[in-house]
Structure formats: C-alpha cells, structure tokens
C-alpha atoms as a PDB file:
ATOM      1  CA  MET A   1     215.736 143.262 180.000  1.00  0.00           C
ATOM      2  CA  THR A   2     217.409 140.947 177.530  1.00  0.00           C
ATOM      3  CA  ARG A   3     216.596 141.931 173.964  1.00  0.00           C
ATOM      4  CA  PRO A   4     215.079 139.147 171.852  1.00  0.00           C
ATOM      5  CA  ARG A   5     216.390 137.875 168.563  1.00  0.00           C
ATOM      6  CA  GLN A   6     215.770 140.347 165.721  1.00  0.00           C
ATOM      7  CA  PHE A   7     215.014 143.198 168.125  1.00  0.00           C
ATOM      8  CA  ALA A   8     216.555 145.714 165.712  1.00  0.00           C
ATOM      9  CA  ALA A   9     214.455 144.565 162.739  1.00  0.00           C
ATOM     10  CA  ILE A  10     211.241 144.630 164.782  1.00  0.00           C
ATOM     11  CA  ARG A  11     212.075 148.037 166.256  1.00  0.00           C
ATOM     12  CA  ARG A  12     212.831 149.445 162.794  1.00  0.00           C
ATOM     13  CA  THR A  13     209.535 148.162 161.388  1.00  0.00           C
ATOM     14  CA  LEU A  14     207.609 149.722 164.262  1.00  0.00           C
ATOM     15  CA  GLU A  15     209.274 153.117 163.924  1.00  0.00           C
ATOM     16  CA  GLN A  16     208.609 153.166 160.159  1.00  0.00           C
ATOM     17  CA  SER A  17     204.996 152.007 160.431  1.00  0.00           C
ATOM     18  CA  GLU A  18     202.194 154.505 159.999  1.00  0.00           C
ATOM     19  CA  HIS A  19     200.466 152.815 162.936  1.00  0.00           C
ATOM     20  CA  PHE A  20     203.286 152.951 165.497  1.00  0.00           C
ATOM     21  CA  ARG A  21     205.877 155.553 164.470  1.00  0.00           C
ATOM     22  CA  ARG A  22     204.316 158.337 166.566  1.00  0.00           C
ATOM     23  CA  LEU A  23     204.970 156.459 169.794  1.00  0.00           C
ATOM     24  CA  ALA A  24     207.734 157.600 172.106  1.00  0.00           C
ATOM     25  CA  ALA A  25     211.107 155.882 171.682  1.00  0.00           C
ATOM     26  CA  ARG A  26     210.798 154.136 175.051  1.00  0.00           C
ATOM     27  CA  ASP A  27     207.446 152.658 174.049  1.00  0.00           C
ATOM     28  CA  LEU A  28     208.789 151.463 170.695  1.00  0.00           C
ATOM     29  CA  ASP A  29     211.670 149.834 172.572  1.00  0.00           C
ATOM     30  CA  ARG A  30     209.298 148.110 174.972  1.00  0.00           C
ATOM     31  CA  LEU A  31     207.046 146.786 172.201  1.00  0.00           C
ATOM     32  CA  ALA A  32     210.050 145.472 170.289  1.00  0.00           C
ATOM     33  CA  GLN A  33     211.352 143.798 173.430  1.00  0.00           C
ATOM     34  CA  LEU A  34     208.039 142.011 173.933  1.00  0.00           C
ATOM     35  CA  ALA A  35     207.770 140.881 170.313  1.00  0.00           C
ATOM     36  CA  ARG A  36     208.930 137.533 168.988  1.00  0.00           C
ATOM     37  CA  PRO A  37     209.540 136.687 165.313  1.00  0.00           C
ATOM     38  CA  ARG A  38     207.832 133.948 163.336  1.00  0.00           C
ATOM     39  CA  ARG A  39     208.422 132.861 159.728  1.00  0.00           C
ATOM     40  CA  LEU A  40     205.663 131.399 157.578  1.00  0.00           C
ATOM     41  CA  HIS A  41     205.509 129.727 154.191  1.00  0.00           C
ATOM     42  CA  ASN A  42     203.018 130.729 151.524  1.00  0.00           C
ATOM     43  CA  ASP A  43     199.414 129.991 152.579  1.00  0.00           C
ATOM     44  CA  GLU A  44     200.474 128.876 156.068  1.00  0.00           C
ATOM     45  CA  ARG A  45     197.852 129.690 158.696  1.00  0.00           C
ATOM     46  CA  VAL A  46     198.930 132.304 161.228  1.00  0.00           C
ATOM     47  CA  GLN A  47     196.514 131.531 164.057  1.00  0.00           C
ATOM     48  CA  SER A  48     195.073 128.368 165.409  1.00  0.00           C
ATOM     49  CA  VAL A  49     191.751 127.199 164.022  1.00  0.00           C
ATOM     50  CA  GLY A  50     189.057 129.583 165.232  1.00  0.00           C
ATOM     51  CA  GLY A  51     191.073 132.733 164.653  1.00  0.00           C
ATOM     52  CA  TYR A  52     191.850 133.689 168.263  1.00  0.00           C
ATOM     53  CA  ASP A  53     195.254 133.128 169.798  1.00  0.00           C
ATOM     54  CA  GLY A  54     195.545 136.121 172.098  1.00  0.00           C
ATOM     55  CA  HIS A  55     198.388 137.826 170.214  1.00  0.00           C
ATOM     56  CA  LEU A  56     198.987 141.111 168.434  1.00  0.00           C
ATOM     57  CA  TRP A  57     200.648 140.397 165.087  1.00  0.00           C
ATOM     58  CA  ILE A  58     202.841 142.812 163.106  1.00  0.00           C
ATOM     59  CA  VAL A  59     203.986 142.157 159.533  1.00  0.00           C
ATOM     60  CA  LEU A  60     207.777 142.480 159.179  1.00  0.00           C
ATOM     61  CA  SER A  61     208.032 141.284 155.577  1.00  0.00           C
ATOM     62  CA  GLY A  62     205.777 139.635 153.045  1.00  0.00           C
ATOM     63  CA  ALA A  63     202.020 139.916 153.596  1.00  0.00           C
ATOM     64  CA  VAL A  64     199.053 138.350 155.370  1.00  0.00           C
ATOM     65  CA  ARG A  65     195.724 137.590 153.737  1.00  0.00           C
ATOM     66  CA  ILE A  66     192.715 138.237 156.009  1.00  0.00           C
ATOM     67  CA  SER A  67     189.483 136.385 155.194  1.00  0.00           C
ATOM     68  CA  THR A  68     186.466 134.513 156.518  1.00  0.00           C
ATOM     69  CA  SER A  69     184.651 131.481 155.192  1.00  0.00           C
ATOM     70  CA  ALA A  70     180.893 131.394 154.736  1.00  0.00           C
ATOM     71  CA  ALA A  71     178.250 129.151 153.228  1.00  0.00           C
ATOM     72  CA  LYS A  72     178.369 131.129 149.970  1.00  0.00           C
ATOM     73  CA  GLY A  73     182.150 131.016 149.762  1.00  0.00           C
ATOM     74  CA  GLU A  74     185.170 132.882 151.053  1.00  0.00           C
ATOM     75  CA  HIS A  75     185.156 136.618 151.718  1.00  0.00           C
ATOM     76  CA  VAL A  76     188.518 138.401 151.564  1.00  0.00           C
ATOM     77  CA  TYR A  77     188.865 141.591 153.612  1.00  0.00           C
ATOM     78  CA  ALA A  78     192.441 142.640 152.992  1.00  0.00           C
ATOM     79  CA  VAL A  79     196.008 141.629 152.273  1.00  0.00           C
ATOM     80  CA  LEU A  80     198.160 143.441 154.832  1.00  0.00           C
ATOM     81  CA  GLY A  81     201.795 144.242 154.063  1.00  0.00           C
ATOM     82  CA  ARG A  82     204.868 145.346 155.990  1.00  0.00           C
ATOM     83  CA  GLY A  83     204.215 147.586 158.969  1.00  0.00           C
ATOM     84  CA  ASN A  84     200.586 146.604 159.327  1.00  0.00           C
ATOM     85  CA  TYR A  85     199.030 144.681 162.208  1.00  0.00           C
ATOM     86  CA  PHE A  86     196.081 142.488 163.107  1.00  0.00           C
ATOM     87  CA  GLY A  87     194.669 140.769 166.199  1.00  0.00           C
ATOM     88  CA  LEU A  88     194.391 143.872 168.387  1.00  0.00           C
ATOM     89  CA  ALA A  89     190.595 143.786 168.709  1.00  0.00           C
ATOM     90  CA  ALA A  90     190.664 140.165 169.851  1.00  0.00           C
ATOM     91  CA  VAL A  91     193.404 140.936 172.390  1.00  0.00           C
ATOM     92  CA  VAL A  92     191.586 143.911 173.908  1.00  0.00           C
ATOM     93  CA  GLY A  93     188.150 142.321 173.712  1.00  0.00           C
ATOM     94  CA  LYS A  94     189.418 138.890 174.821  1.00  0.00           C
ATOM     95  CA  GLY A  95     186.871 137.287 172.540  1.00  0.00           C
ATOM     96  CA  LEU A  96     186.811 134.644 169.860  1.00  0.00           C
ATOM     97  CA  GLY A  97     188.035 135.940 166.515  1.00  0.00           C
ATOM     98  CA  THR A  98     186.284 135.038 163.298  1.00  0.00           C
ATOM     99  CA  ILE A  99     188.992 135.836 160.762  1.00  0.00           C
ATOM    100  CA  GLU A 100     191.458 133.519 159.126  1.00  0.00           C
ATOM    101  CA  ALA A 101     194.942 134.905 158.540  1.00  0.00           C
ATOM    102  CA  ARG A 102     197.330 133.183 156.121  1.00  0.00           C
ATOM    103  CA  ALA A 103     200.724 134.145 154.750  1.00  0.00           C
ATOM    104  CA  PHE A 104     200.715 135.518 151.222  1.00  0.00           C
ATOM    105  CA  GLY A 105     204.104 134.387 149.985  1.00  0.00           C
ATOM    106  CA  ALA A 106     207.074 133.905 152.303  1.00  0.00           C
ATOM    107  CA  THR A 107     206.286 136.098 155.297  1.00  0.00           C
ATOM    108  CA  GLU A 108     207.874 137.104 158.577  1.00  0.00           C
ATOM    109  CA  LEU A 109     205.782 138.336 161.479  1.00  0.00           C
ATOM    110  CA  ALA A 110     206.358 139.595 164.998  1.00  0.00           C
ATOM    111  CA  TRP A 111     203.886 138.608 167.694  1.00  0.00           C
ATOM    112  CA  ILE A 112     203.245 140.083 171.120  1.00  0.00           C
ATOM    113  CA  GLU A 113     201.399 137.964 173.654  1.00  0.00           C
ATOM    114  CA  GLY A 114     198.069 139.536 174.566  1.00  0.00           C
ATOM    115  CA  ALA A 115     198.619 139.351 178.329  1.00  0.00           C
ATOM    116  CA  ALA A 116     202.016 141.047 178.001  1.00  0.00           C
ATOM    117  CA  LEU A 117     200.565 143.794 175.811  1.00  0.00           C
ATOM    118  CA  MET A 118     197.699 144.404 178.246  1.00  0.00           C
ATOM    119  CA  GLN A 119     200.176 144.608 181.121  1.00  0.00           C
ATOM    120  CA  LEU A 120     202.220 147.175 179.187  1.00  0.00           C
ATOM    121  CA  LEU A 121     199.102 149.247 178.547  1.00  0.00           C
ATOM    122  CA  ASP A 122     198.229 149.148 182.240  1.00  0.00           C
ATOM    123  CA  ASP A 123     201.807 150.124 183.180  1.00  0.00           C
ATOM    124  CA  ARG A 124     201.797 152.945 180.627  1.00  0.00           C
ATOM    125  CA  PRO A 125     198.221 154.373 180.647  1.00  0.00           C
ATOM    126  CA  PRO A 126     198.952 156.959 177.886  1.00  0.00           C
ATOM    127  CA  LEU A 127     199.436 154.018 175.517  1.00  0.00           C
ATOM    128  CA  TRP A 128     195.756 153.163 175.895  1.00  0.00           C
ATOM    129  CA  ARG A 129     194.922 156.332 173.974  1.00  0.00           C
ATOM    130  CA  HIS A 130     197.147 155.291 171.074  1.00  0.00           C
ATOM    131  CA  PHE A 131     195.887 151.715 170.856  1.00  0.00           C
ATOM    132  CA  GLY A 132     192.311 152.888 171.301  1.00  0.00           C
ATOM    133  CA  ALA A 133     192.864 155.186 168.319  1.00  0.00           C
ATOM    134  CA  LEU A 134     194.101 152.199 166.276  1.00  0.00           C
ATOM    135  CA  LEU A 135     190.877 150.321 167.048  1.00  0.00           C
ATOM    136  CA  SER A 136     188.782 153.378 166.241  1.00  0.00           C
ATOM    137  CA  HIS A 137     190.552 153.805 162.918  1.00  0.00           C
ATOM    138  CA  ARG A 138     189.897 150.190 161.933  1.00  0.00           C
ATOM    139  CA  LEU A 139     186.216 150.660 162.765  1.00  0.00           C
ATOM    140  CA  MET A 140     186.073 153.746 160.530  1.00  0.00           C
ATOM    141  CA  VAL A 141     187.718 151.801 157.699  1.00  0.00           C
ATOM    142  CA  ALA A 142     185.130 149.032 158.076  1.00  0.00           C
ATOM    143  CA  LEU A 143     182.260 151.551 157.999  1.00  0.00           C
ATOM    144  CA  MET A 144     183.788 153.246 154.948  1.00  0.00           C
ATOM    145  CA  LEU A 145     183.959 149.941 153.079  1.00  0.00           C
ATOM    146  CA  LEU A 146     180.340 149.158 153.964  1.00  0.00           C
ATOM    147  CA  ARG A 147     179.322 152.520 152.554  1.00  0.00           C
ATOM    148  CA  ASP A 148     181.378 151.974 149.416  1.00  0.00           C
ATOM    149  CA  ASN A 149     179.659 148.652 148.751  1.00  0.00           C
ATOM    150  CA  THR A 150     176.260 150.355 148.501  1.00  0.00           C
ATOM    151  CA  ALA A 151     177.038 153.909 147.402  1.00  0.00           C
ATOM    152  CA  CYS A 152     179.830 153.506 144.831  1.00  0.00           C
ATOM    153  CA  GLY A 153     179.858 151.984 141.363  1.00  0.00           C
ATOM    154  CA  LEU A 154     182.458 149.362 140.558  1.00  0.00           C
ATOM    155  CA  PRO A 155     185.049 151.737 138.955  1.00  0.00           C
ATOM    156  CA  GLU A 156     185.127 154.039 141.991  1.00  0.00           C
ATOM    157  CA  ARG A 157     184.879 151.140 144.451  1.00  0.00           C
ATOM    158  CA  LEU A 158     187.853 149.378 142.875  1.00  0.00           C
ATOM    159  CA  VAL A 159     190.088 152.444 143.085  1.00  0.00           C
ATOM    160  CA  ARG A 160     189.071 153.053 146.682  1.00  0.00           C
ATOM    161  CA  ARG A 161     189.744 149.423 147.605  1.00  0.00           C
ATOM    162  CA  LEU A 162     193.225 149.611 146.085  1.00  0.00           C
ATOM    163  CA  LEU A 163     194.008 152.752 148.068  1.00  0.00           C
ATOM    164  CA  VAL A 164     192.711 151.322 151.336  1.00  0.00           C
ATOM    165  CA  LEU A 165     195.422 148.657 150.997  1.00  0.00           C
ATOM    166  CA  VAL A 166     198.338 151.097 150.556  1.00  0.00           C
ATOM    167  CA  PRO A 167     201.242 149.774 152.690  1.00  0.00           C
ATOM    168  CA  ALA A 168     201.666 151.101 156.212  1.00  0.00           C
ATOM    169  CA  ILE A 169     205.363 151.742 155.468  1.00  0.00           C
ATOM    170  CA  GLU A 170     206.226 154.051 152.595  1.00  0.00           C
ATOM    171  CA  ALA A 171     208.569 152.532 150.047  1.00  0.00           C
ATOM    172  CA  ALA A 172     210.683 154.246 147.416  1.00  0.00           C
ATOM    173  CA  GLY A 173     208.879 154.324 144.102  1.00  0.00           C
ATOM    174  CA  ALA A 174     205.367 153.127 143.345  1.00  0.00           C
ATOM    175  CA  PRO A 175     203.750 150.990 146.074  1.00  0.00           C
ATOM    176  CA  VAL A 176     202.998 147.375 145.216  1.00  0.00           C
ATOM    177  CA  LEU A 177     199.910 145.714 146.683  1.00  0.00           C
ATOM    178  CA  PRO A 178     200.589 141.980 147.275  1.00  0.00           C
ATOM    179  CA  MET A 179     197.383 140.373 146.055  1.00  0.00           C
ATOM    180  CA  THR A 180     195.798 138.377 143.280  1.00  0.00           C
ATOM    181  CA  GLN A 181     193.174 139.714 140.919  1.00  0.00           C
ATOM    182  CA  ALA A 182     190.851 136.946 142.126  1.00  0.00           C
ATOM    183  CA  ASP A 183     191.158 138.218 145.708  1.00  0.00           C
ATOM    184  CA  LEU A 184     190.512 141.778 144.557  1.00  0.00           C
ATOM    185  CA  ALA A 185     187.285 140.568 142.940  1.00  0.00           C
ATOM    186  CA  ARG A 186     186.307 138.823 146.196  1.00  0.00           C
ATOM    187  CA  MET A 187     186.912 142.021 148.150  1.00  0.00           C
ATOM    188  CA  LEU A 188     184.654 143.920 145.755  1.00  0.00           C
ATOM    189  CA  GLY A 189     181.942 141.284 145.658  1.00  0.00           C
ATOM    190  CA  THR A 190     182.112 141.060 141.881  1.00  0.00           C
ATOM    191  CA  SER A 191     183.274 138.622 139.221  1.00  0.00           C
ATOM    192  CA  ARG A 192     186.929 138.299 138.329  1.00  0.00           C
ATOM    193  CA  SER A 193     186.168 139.235 134.719  1.00  0.00           C
ATOM    194  CA  ARG A 194     184.541 142.533 135.732  1.00  0.00           C
ATOM    195  CA  ALA A 195     187.368 143.384 138.133  1.00  0.00           C
ATOM    196  CA  ASN A 196     189.969 142.541 135.486  1.00  0.00           C
ATOM    197  CA  ALA A 197     188.214 144.734 132.933  1.00  0.00           C
ATOM    198  CA  GLU A 198     188.406 147.698 135.318  1.00  0.00           C
ATOM    199  CA  LEU A 199     192.066 146.977 136.046  1.00  0.00           C
ATOM    200  CA  ARG A 200     192.845 146.909 132.328  1.00  0.00           C
ATOM    201  CA  ARG A 201     191.139 150.286 131.942  1.00  0.00           C
ATOM    202  CA  LEU A 202     193.274 151.738 134.742  1.00  0.00           C
ATOM    203  CA  GLU A 203     196.364 150.210 133.129  1.00  0.00           C
ATOM    204  CA  SER A 204     195.527 151.820 129.802  1.00  0.00           C
ATOM    205  CA  GLU A 205     195.455 155.193 131.582  1.00  0.00           C
ATOM    206  CA  GLY A 206     198.847 154.605 133.210  1.00  0.00           C
ATOM    207  CA  LEU A 207     197.456 154.446 136.735  1.00  0.00           C
ATOM    208  CA  VAL A 208     198.273 150.854 137.716  1.00  0.00           C
ATOM    209  CA  ARG A 209     200.203 147.830 136.526  1.00  0.00           C
ATOM    210  CA  SER A 210     198.890 144.323 137.174  1.00  0.00           C
ATOM    211  CA  GLY A 211     201.348 141.498 137.616  1.00  0.00           C
ATOM    212  CA  TYR A 212     201.612 138.026 139.079  1.00  0.00           C
ATOM    213  CA  ARG A 213     200.323 138.253 142.671  1.00  0.00           C
ATOM    214  CA  GLY A 214     200.687 142.020 142.779  1.00  0.00           C
ATOM    215  CA  ILE A 215     199.222 145.342 141.622  1.00  0.00           C
ATOM    216  CA  THR A 216     201.508 148.380 141.360  1.00  0.00           C
ATOM    217  CA  LEU A 217     200.008 151.823 141.950  1.00  0.00           C
ATOM    218  CA  LEU A 218     201.783 154.015 139.397  1.00  0.00           C
ATOM    219  CA  ASP A 219     200.071 157.371 139.963  1.00  0.00           C
ATOM    220  CA  LEU A 220     198.838 157.849 143.534  1.00  0.00           C
ATOM    221  CA  PRO A 221     197.764 161.502 143.118  1.00  0.00           C
ATOM    222  CA  ARG A 222     195.468 160.688 140.172  1.00  0.00           C
ATOM    223  CA  LEU A 223     194.118 157.588 141.893  1.00  0.00           C
ATOM    224  CA  ARG A 224     193.304 159.621 145.002  1.00  0.00           C
ATOM    225  CA  THR A 225     191.473 162.163 142.870  1.00  0.00           C
ATOM    226  CA  LEU A 226     189.388 159.374 141.344  1.00  0.00           C
ATOM    227  CA  ALA A 227     188.703 157.883 144.772  1.00  0.00           C
ATOM    228  CA  GLY A 228     187.165 161.061 146.162  1.00  0.00           C
ATOM    229  CA  LYS A 229     187.114 162.177 149.776  1.00  0.00           C
ATOM    230  CA  ASP A 230     187.205 160.411 153.123  1.00  0.00           C
ATOM    231  CA  MET A 231     189.775 157.796 152.106  1.00  0.00           C
ATOM    232  CA  LYS A 232     191.422 155.795 154.871  1.00  0.00           C
ATOM    233  CA  ALA A 233     193.915 152.936 154.675  1.00  0.00           C
ATOM    234  CA  PHE A 234     194.159 149.786 156.751  1.00  0.00           C
END
C-alpha cells in the first residue's frame, strides 16, 4: 500500500500517544496508512455542522476545543492536545454527534474515515478490544466528571479538571494545557472570577502558572495529591 503524505509524523504521534502506543507495530502502521492530514486555523470548525462526519480524528499538533451549545450558553467539555482523539463513539455508533470541535490555535489533525476504520476492526478482530477499551475509558471519565460536579468543592474540582486534561503524549518539562481561563470556568460551571481566584491561589503555592491561552502544571505530584483518588485523563 502506498503510504500517504506525512505517514511518519502520524505514525510517530500514534506510537507516542497514551491511547494508541500499546498497539502492535503492524496495527500502528495500518492506522497511519489510513490516516490523512488536515490543517486548521484558530477557531476553524473541524466537522460539518451537526457534529457527525464519520471520521476518527487524532490531534498531531495544536489542540481542539470540544463543546456544545445550549439555550443557557455554551458548555465546554475539554481542550484536547497532541496525541488525543475524538469522534470514535460517533464512528462506532454511526449516530449523529452533538459536539462541536474547533481548532484552538493553529492545529494539525489526522483523520481516518469511519468506514475504513470499521473495516480494519473487522479484519483485525483483536483491535475491537482496544478500541472498545478507549470507549469505556471515555465513559468512565464522563461519569467521574459528573460525580465531581456534585461531590467536590470548587478548589478540588478545579485541580481535578486540570489533571483530566493532561496531554496524551508526555512532554519534557511541565505540561502545558492549551486553554483559556474563561473556558476553564465554563468547564467547572462557575464564574471566571471564582476560577481565576482559585488559579491565583495555586500559583501562589507554586503548583501552576497561568498564561495567555495556556496553564502550565508545575508540580504534578502535589496536584495529584490534592486531586485525590480515581483520577483519569481524557
């Protein structure tokens, strides 16, 4: 099979990603062969209107902001960085998606057509176990966040929400979460002023550093201690 443009970059992202690196080399090769790159500008919509396009999307660089719109305003679920993915549930379920995905800054993605991915899973039945585990993990993250919204106070909830967004690919040094403080407040269902006050408190303790469109996690061990047990990341 002819290898597509940027095969090496896509393959490298997959093998470094927490979500895909445990796959066999032949399966990583096959996924990278099926994937096609796409570049987006800041705030450019990934999918067509309606949220379902039948593709699995993988973030190669930059980030993607996942949200929904409602009568009471926008709800932001996550900002997913390099090595992360979205769209799998819609591909497997073949249903209409409800999310809106937009690039956060200049972003490069790889997409795999849903029909091609399903054919690969049928050709390689052991892969169903891996992709089923990815779906199960996302469900557990969603249930964890629901619990946090009712069982945790804002200080604990904020730390846990930061950790749930830790990048799927480990980087040298302190991880940087690509997001705005306004979006963090939307994720937490609180005001920007309250979220900013908690961030300033964490900054004063040397745990995080807030910047323009990004929050750096300076001390992961201490943050994880504050977050408590049962933490999972997107």
